[in-house]
Amino acid sequence: MFILADEIIGMAIAEYIGGTRAKFEFVRFDMKKPGVLKKLEAFADDAIGGLIAGASSLMYSEATDKI
């Protein structure tokens, strides 16, 4: 059984924080489930993954804009 609502929540959080690039980062985190994401439940792992993806994409974008 596949749950799509959690994927949508994670993608929405990622895109809200980091834009379209963050959605791709979220998919990468969702497939690999690095670190603590492996230990979290269905909705929590995608919500936290979206938060991490959004933040890391935003930090990368801001860092490259300064170069």
PDB file of N, CA and C in Angstrom:
ATOM      1  N   MET A   1       0.834  -1.169   0.000  1.00  0.00           N
ATOM      2  CA  MET A   1       0.000   0.000   0.000  1.00  0.00           C
ATOM      3  C   MET A   1       0.885   1.241   0.000  1.00  0.00           C
ATOM      4  N   PHE A   2       0.541   2.196  -0.837  1.00  0.00           N
ATOM      5  CA  PHE A   2       1.295   3.439  -0.926  1.00  0.00           C
ATOM      6  C   PHE A   2       0.477   4.578  -0.338  1.00  0.00           C
ATOM      7  N   ILE A   3       1.125   5.391   0.468  1.00  0.00           N
ATOM      8  CA  ILE A   3       0.478   6.567   1.035  1.00  0.00           C
ATOM      9  C   ILE A   3       1.032   7.775   0.296  1.00  0.00           C
ATOM     10  N   LEU A   4       0.166   8.521  -0.361  1.00  0.00           N
ATOM     11  CA  LEU A   4       0.619   9.678  -1.117  1.00  0.00           C
ATOM     12  C   LEU A   4       0.518  10.975  -0.342  1.00  0.00           C
ATOM     13  N   ALA A   5      -0.357  11.038   0.646  1.00  0.00           N
ATOM     14  CA  ALA A   5      -0.556  12.287   1.379  1.00  0.00           C
ATOM     15  C   ALA A   5       0.732  12.752   2.044  1.00  0.00           C
ATOM     16  N   ASP A   6       1.504  11.830   2.589  1.00  0.00           N
ATOM     17  CA  ASP A   6       2.745  12.232   3.249  1.00  0.00           C
ATOM     18  C   ASP A   6       3.768  12.752   2.250  1.00  0.00           C
ATOM     19  N   GLU A   7       3.798  12.167   1.054  1.00  0.00           N
ATOM     20  CA  GLU A   7       4.702  12.652   0.010  1.00  0.00           C
ATOM     21  C   GLU A   7       4.326  14.074  -0.396  1.00  0.00           C
ATOM     22  N   ILE A   8       3.046  14.321  -0.519  1.00  0.00           N
ATOM     23  CA  ILE A   8       2.567  15.646  -0.914  1.00  0.00           C
ATOM     24  C   ILE A   8       2.908  16.672   0.156  1.00  0.00           C
ATOM     25  N   ILE A   9       2.754  16.304   1.418  1.00  0.00           N
ATOM     26  CA  ILE A   9       3.099  17.211   2.514  1.00  0.00           C
ATOM     27  C   ILE A   9       4.593  17.536   2.480  1.00  0.00           C
ATOM     28  N   GLY A  10       5.416  16.528   2.319  1.00  0.00           N
ATOM     29  CA  GLY A  10       6.866  16.746   2.262  1.00  0.00           C
ATOM     30  C   GLY A  10       7.274  17.629   1.099  1.00  0.00           C
ATOM     31  N   MET A  11       6.703  17.386  -0.068  1.00  0.00           N
ATOM     32  CA  MET A  11       7.018  18.210  -1.239  1.00  0.00           C
ATOM     33  C   MET A  11       6.538  19.645  -1.060  1.00  0.00           C
ATOM     34  N   ALA A  12       5.367  19.810  -0.468  1.00  0.00           N
ATOM     35  CA  ALA A  12       4.834  21.160  -0.249  1.00  0.00           C
ATOM     36  C   ALA A  12       5.722  21.947   0.709  1.00  0.00           C
ATOM     37  N   ILE A  13       6.179  21.307   1.776  1.00  0.00           N
ATOM     38  CA  ILE A  13       7.070  21.976   2.731  1.00  0.00           C
ATOM     39  C   ILE A  13       8.380  22.355   2.047  1.00  0.00           C
ATOM     40  N   ALA A  14       8.949  21.418   1.303  1.00  0.00           N
ATOM     41  CA  ALA A  14      10.214  21.679   0.614  1.00  0.00           C
ATOM     42  C   ALA A  14      10.074  22.831  -0.371  1.00  0.00           C
ATOM     43  N   GLU A  15       9.018  22.813  -1.172  1.00  0.00           N
ATOM     44  CA  GLU A  15       8.839  23.865  -2.180  1.00  0.00           C
ATOM     45  C   GLU A  15       8.557  25.217  -1.534  1.00  0.00           C
ATOM     46  N   TYR A  16       7.823  25.235  -0.454  1.00  0.00           N
ATOM     47  CA  TYR A  16       7.525  26.488   0.241  1.00  0.00           C
ATOM     48  C   TYR A  16       8.806  27.156   0.751  1.00  0.00           C
ATOM     49  N   ILE A  17       9.718  26.349   1.264  1.00  0.00           N
ATOM     50  CA  ILE A  17      10.951  26.899   1.836  1.00  0.00           C
ATOM     51  C   ILE A  17      11.996  27.174   0.760  1.00  0.00           C
ATOM     52  N   GLY A  18      12.217  26.210  -0.128  1.00  0.00           N
ATOM     53  CA  GLY A  18      13.349  26.304  -1.049  1.00  0.00           C
ATOM     54  C   GLY A  18      13.020  26.361  -2.521  1.00  0.00           C
ATOM     55  N   GLY A  19      11.757  26.403  -2.875  1.00  0.00           N
ATOM     56  CA  GLY A  19      11.391  26.485  -4.284  1.00  0.00           C
ATOM     57  C   GLY A  19      11.447  25.145  -4.995  1.00  0.00           C
ATOM     58  N   THR A  20      11.445  25.220  -6.315  1.00  0.00           N
ATOM     59  CA  THR A  20      11.379  24.012  -7.141  1.00  0.00           C
ATOM     60  C   THR A  20      12.592  23.110  -6.948  1.00  0.00           C
ATOM     61  N   ARG A  21      13.759  23.687  -6.761  1.00  0.00           N
ATOM     62  CA  ARG A  21      14.965  22.869  -6.553  1.00  0.00           C
ATOM     63  C   ARG A  21      14.825  21.971  -5.328  1.00  0.00           C
ATOM     64  N   ALA A  22      14.138  22.469  -4.335  1.00  0.00           N
ATOM     65  CA  ALA A  22      13.979  21.706  -3.097  1.00  0.00           C
ATOM     66  C   ALA A  22      13.130  20.460  -3.307  1.00  0.00           C
ATOM     67  N   LYS A  23      12.229  20.484  -4.286  1.00  0.00           N
ATOM     68  CA  LYS A  23      11.421  19.290  -4.563  1.00  0.00           C
ATOM     69  C   LYS A  23      12.310  18.140  -5.023  1.00  0.00           C
ATOM     70  N   PHE A  24      13.307  18.442  -5.832  1.00  0.00           N
ATOM     71  CA  PHE A  24      14.229  17.406  -6.289  1.00  0.00           C
ATOM     72  C   PHE A  24      15.074  16.880  -5.129  1.00  0.00           C
ATOM     73  N   GLU A  25      15.475  17.784  -4.257  1.00  0.00           N
ATOM     74  CA  GLU A  25      16.237  17.381  -3.072  1.00  0.00           C
ATOM     75  C   GLU A  25      15.372  16.507  -2.160  1.00  0.00           C
ATOM     76  N   PHE A  26      14.095  16.848  -2.045  1.00  0.00           N
ATOM     77  CA  PHE A  26      13.181  16.046  -1.231  1.00  0.00           C
ATOM     78  C   PHE A  26      13.073  14.622  -1.774  1.00  0.00           C
ATOM     79  N   VAL A  27      12.961  14.484  -3.075  1.00  0.00           N
ATOM     80  CA  VAL A  27      12.862  13.146  -3.680  1.00  0.00           C
ATOM     81  C   VAL A  27      14.117  12.336  -3.362  1.00  0.00           C
ATOM     82  N   ARG A  28      15.266  12.990  -3.410  1.00  0.00           N
ATOM     83  CA  ARG A  28      16.521  12.292  -3.082  1.00  0.00           C
ATOM     84  C   ARG A  28      16.517  11.826  -1.625  1.00  0.00           C
ATOM     85  N   PHE A  29      16.095  12.710  -0.709  1.00  0.00           N
ATOM     86  CA  PHE A  29      16.015  12.322   0.700  1.00  0.00           C
ATOM     87  C   PHE A  29      14.976  11.226   0.913  1.00  0.00           C
ATOM     88  N   ASP A  30      13.873  11.312   0.205  1.00  0.00           N
ATOM     89  CA  ASP A  30      12.800  10.337   0.385  1.00  0.00           C
ATOM     90  C   ASP A  30      13.220   8.947  -0.090  1.00  0.00           C
ATOM     91  N   MET A  31      14.021   8.883  -1.136  1.00  0.00           N
ATOM     92  CA  MET A  31      14.464   7.583  -1.644  1.00  0.00           C
ATOM     93  C   MET A  31      15.542   6.960  -0.755  1.00  0.00           C
ATOM     94  N   LYS A  32      16.488   7.770  -0.297  1.00  0.00           N
ATOM     95  CA  LYS A  32      17.610   7.237   0.483  1.00  0.00           C
ATOM     96  C   LYS A  32      17.324   7.145   1.974  1.00  0.00           C
ATOM     97  N   LYS A  33      16.493   8.017   2.503  1.00  0.00           N
ATOM     98  CA  LYS A  33      16.173   8.082   3.938  1.00  0.00           C
ATOM     99  C   LYS A  33      17.451   8.091   4.782  1.00  0.00           C
ATOM    100  N   PRO A  34      18.293   9.126   4.607  1.00  0.00           N
ATOM    101  CA  PRO A  34      19.542   9.161   5.369  1.00  0.00           C
ATOM    102  C   PRO A  34      19.322   9.499   6.842  1.00  0.00           C
ATOM    103  N   GLY A  35      20.237   9.053   7.666  1.00  0.00           N
ATOM    104  CA  GLY A  35      20.256   9.410   9.082  1.00  0.00           C
ATOM    105  C   GLY A  35      18.987   9.091   9.842  1.00  0.00           C
ATOM    106  N   VAL A  36      18.485  10.106  10.536  1.00  0.00           N
ATOM    107  CA  VAL A  36      17.333   9.938  11.421  1.00  0.00           C
ATOM    108  C   VAL A  36      16.032   9.696  10.645  1.00  0.00           C
ATOM    109  N   LEU A  37      16.001  10.010   9.370  1.00  0.00           N
ATOM    110  CA  LEU A  37      14.774   9.817   8.589  1.00  0.00           C
ATOM    111  C   LEU A  37      14.353   8.348   8.537  1.00  0.00           C
ATOM    112  N   LYS A  38      15.319   7.433   8.646  1.00  0.00           N
ATOM    113  CA  LYS A  38      15.001   6.001   8.652  1.00  0.00           C
ATOM    114  C   LYS A  38      14.166   5.606   9.864  1.00  0.00           C
ATOM    115  N   LYS A  39      14.375   6.308  10.969  1.00  0.00           N
ATOM    116  CA  LYS A  39      13.743   5.933  12.229  1.00  0.00           C
ATOM    117  C   LYS A  39      12.367   6.553  12.431  1.00  0.00           C
ATOM    118  N   LEU A  40      11.998   7.525  11.603  1.00  0.00           N
ATOM    119  CA  LEU A  40      10.732   8.233  11.792  1.00  0.00           C
ATOM    120  C   LEU A  40       9.567   7.502  11.134  1.00  0.00           C
ATOM    121  N   GLU A  41       8.374   7.793  11.593  1.00  0.00           N
ATOM    122  CA  GLU A  41       7.152   7.192  11.050  1.00  0.00           C
ATOM    123  C   GLU A  41       6.809   7.794   9.688  1.00  0.00           C
ATOM    124  N   ALA A  42       5.751   7.282   9.071  1.00  0.00           N
ATOM    125  CA  ALA A  42       5.392   7.614   7.688  1.00  0.00           C
ATOM    126  C   ALA A  42       5.247   9.110   7.428  1.00  0.00           C
ATOM    127  N   PHE A  43       4.450   9.816   8.183  1.00  0.00           N
ATOM    128  CA  PHE A  43       4.247  11.235   7.912  1.00  0.00           C
ATOM    129  C   PHE A  43       5.417  12.075   8.409  1.00  0.00           C
ATOM    130  N   ALA A  44       5.987  11.692   9.534  1.00  0.00           N
ATOM    131  CA  ALA A  44       7.072  12.475  10.124  1.00  0.00           C
ATOM    132  C   ALA A  44       8.314  12.473   9.242  1.00  0.00           C
ATOM    133  N   ASP A  45       8.653  11.330   8.649  1.00  0.00           N
ATOM    134  CA  ASP A  45       9.865  11.284   7.835  1.00  0.00           C
ATOM    135  C   ASP A  45       9.759  12.194   6.624  1.00  0.00           C
ATOM    136  N   ASP A  46       8.588  12.272   6.017  1.00  0.00           N
ATOM    137  CA  ASP A  46       8.435  13.135   4.847  1.00  0.00           C
ATOM    138  C   ASP A  46       8.327  14.608   5.226  1.00  0.00           C
ATOM    139  N   ALA A  47       7.699  14.910   6.341  1.00  0.00           N
ATOM    140  CA  ALA A  47       7.620  16.302   6.791  1.00  0.00           C
ATOM    141  C   ALA A  47       9.012  16.825   7.157  1.00  0.00           C
ATOM    142  N   ILE A  48       9.768  16.045   7.910  1.00  0.00           N
ATOM    143  CA  ILE A  48      11.126  16.448   8.290  1.00  0.00           C
ATOM    144  C   ILE A  48      12.041  16.448   7.065  1.00  0.00           C
ATOM    145  N   GLY A  49      11.874  15.469   6.183  1.00  0.00           N
ATOM    146  CA  GLY A  49      12.648  15.440   4.941  1.00  0.00           C
ATOM    147  C   GLY A  49      12.381  16.666   4.085  1.00  0.00           C
ATOM    148  N   GLY A  50      11.123  17.095   4.022  1.00  0.00           N
ATOM    149  CA  GLY A  50      10.778  18.313   3.286  1.00  0.00           C
ATOM    150  C   GLY A  50      11.409  19.541   3.903  1.00  0.00           C
ATOM    151  N   LEU A  51      11.414  19.596   5.223  1.00  0.00           N
ATOM    152  CA  LEU A  51      12.035  20.710   5.934  1.00  0.00           C
ATOM    153  C   LEU A  51      13.541  20.762   5.659  1.00  0.00           C
ATOM    154  N   ILE A  52      14.191  19.620   5.736  1.00  0.00           N
ATOM    155  CA  ILE A  52      15.635  19.555   5.483  1.00  0.00           C
ATOM    156  C   ILE A  52      15.940  19.884   4.024  1.00  0.00           C
ATOM    157  N   ALA A  53      15.157  19.334   3.107  1.00  0.00           N
ATOM    158  CA  ALA A  53      15.371  19.593   1.684  1.00  0.00           C
ATOM    159  C   ALA A  53      15.191  21.069   1.360  1.00  0.00           C
ATOM    160  N   GLY A  54      14.152  21.668   1.906  1.00  0.00           N
ATOM    161  CA  GLY A  54      13.920  23.089   1.664  1.00  0.00           C
ATOM    162  C   GLY A  54      15.032  23.950   2.217  1.00  0.00           C
ATOM    163  N   ALA A  55      15.442  23.663   3.442  1.00  0.00           N
ATOM    164  CA  ALA A  55      16.496  24.461   4.078  1.00  0.00           C
ATOM    165  C   ALA A  55      17.833  24.300   3.361  1.00  0.00           C
ATOM    166  N   SER A  56      18.190  23.074   3.001  1.00  0.00           N
ATOM    167  CA  SER A  56      19.478  22.867   2.338  1.00  0.00           C
ATOM    168  C   SER A  56      19.489  23.479   0.944  1.00  0.00           C
ATOM    169  N   SER A  57      18.379  23.407   0.225  1.00  0.00           N
ATOM    170  CA  SER A  57      18.307  24.023  -1.099  1.00  0.00           C
ATOM    171  C   SER A  57      18.376  25.539  -1.006  1.00  0.00           C
ATOM    172  N   LEU A  58      17.704  26.099  -0.014  1.00  0.00           N
ATOM    173  CA  LEU A  58      17.733  27.545   0.181  1.00  0.00           C
ATOM    174  C   LEU A  58      19.143  28.014   0.544  1.00  0.00           C
ATOM    175  N   MET A  59      19.814  27.284   1.424  1.00  0.00           N
ATOM    176  CA  MET A  59      21.186  27.650   1.801  1.00  0.00           C
ATOM    177  C   MET A  59      22.117  27.565   0.598  1.00  0.00           C
ATOM    178  N   TYR A  60      21.972  26.522  -0.212  1.00  0.00           N
ATOM    179  CA  TYR A  60      22.805  26.369  -1.403  1.00  0.00           C
ATOM    180  C   TYR A  60      22.544  27.504  -2.389  1.00  0.00           C
ATOM    181  N   SER A  61      21.280  27.832  -2.608  1.00  0.00           N
ATOM    182  CA  SER A  61      20.933  28.903  -3.544  1.00  0.00           C
ATOM    183  C   SER A  61      21.488  30.244  -3.082  1.00  0.00           C
ATOM    184  N   GLU A  62      21.361  30.531  -1.802  1.00  0.00           N
ATOM    185  CA  GLU A  62      21.881  31.796  -1.276  1.00  0.00           C
ATOM    186  C   GLU A  62      23.403  31.842  -1.332  1.00  0.00           C
ATOM    187  N   ALA A  63      24.056  30.718  -1.100  1.00  0.00           N
ATOM    188  CA  ALA A  63      25.519  30.675  -1.151  1.00  0.00           C
ATOM    189  C   ALA A  63      26.027  30.876  -2.574  1.00  0.00           C
ATOM    190  N   THR A  64      25.363  30.286  -3.557  1.00  0.00           N
ATOM    191  CA  THR A  64      25.815  30.434  -4.940  1.00  0.00           C
ATOM    192  C   THR A  64      25.472  31.799  -5.509  1.00  0.00           C
ATOM    193  N   ASP A  65      24.465  32.466  -4.970  1.00  0.00           N
ATOM    194  CA  ASP A  65      24.132  33.816  -5.429  1.00  0.00           C
ATOM    195  C   ASP A  65      25.209  34.819  -5.032  1.00  0.00           C
ATOM    196  N   LYS A  66      25.924  34.545  -3.955  1.00  0.00           N
ATOM    197  CA  LYS A  66      26.956  35.463  -3.472  1.00  0.00           C
ATOM    198  C   LYS A  66      28.263  35.326  -4.241  1.00  0.00           C
ATOM    199  N   ILE A  67      28.406  34.258  -4.996  1.00  0.00           N
ATOM    200  CA  ILE A  67      29.659  34.013  -5.735  1.00  0.00           C
ATOM    201  C   ILE A  67      29.681  34.844  -6.990  1.00  0.00           C
TER     202      ILE A  67
END
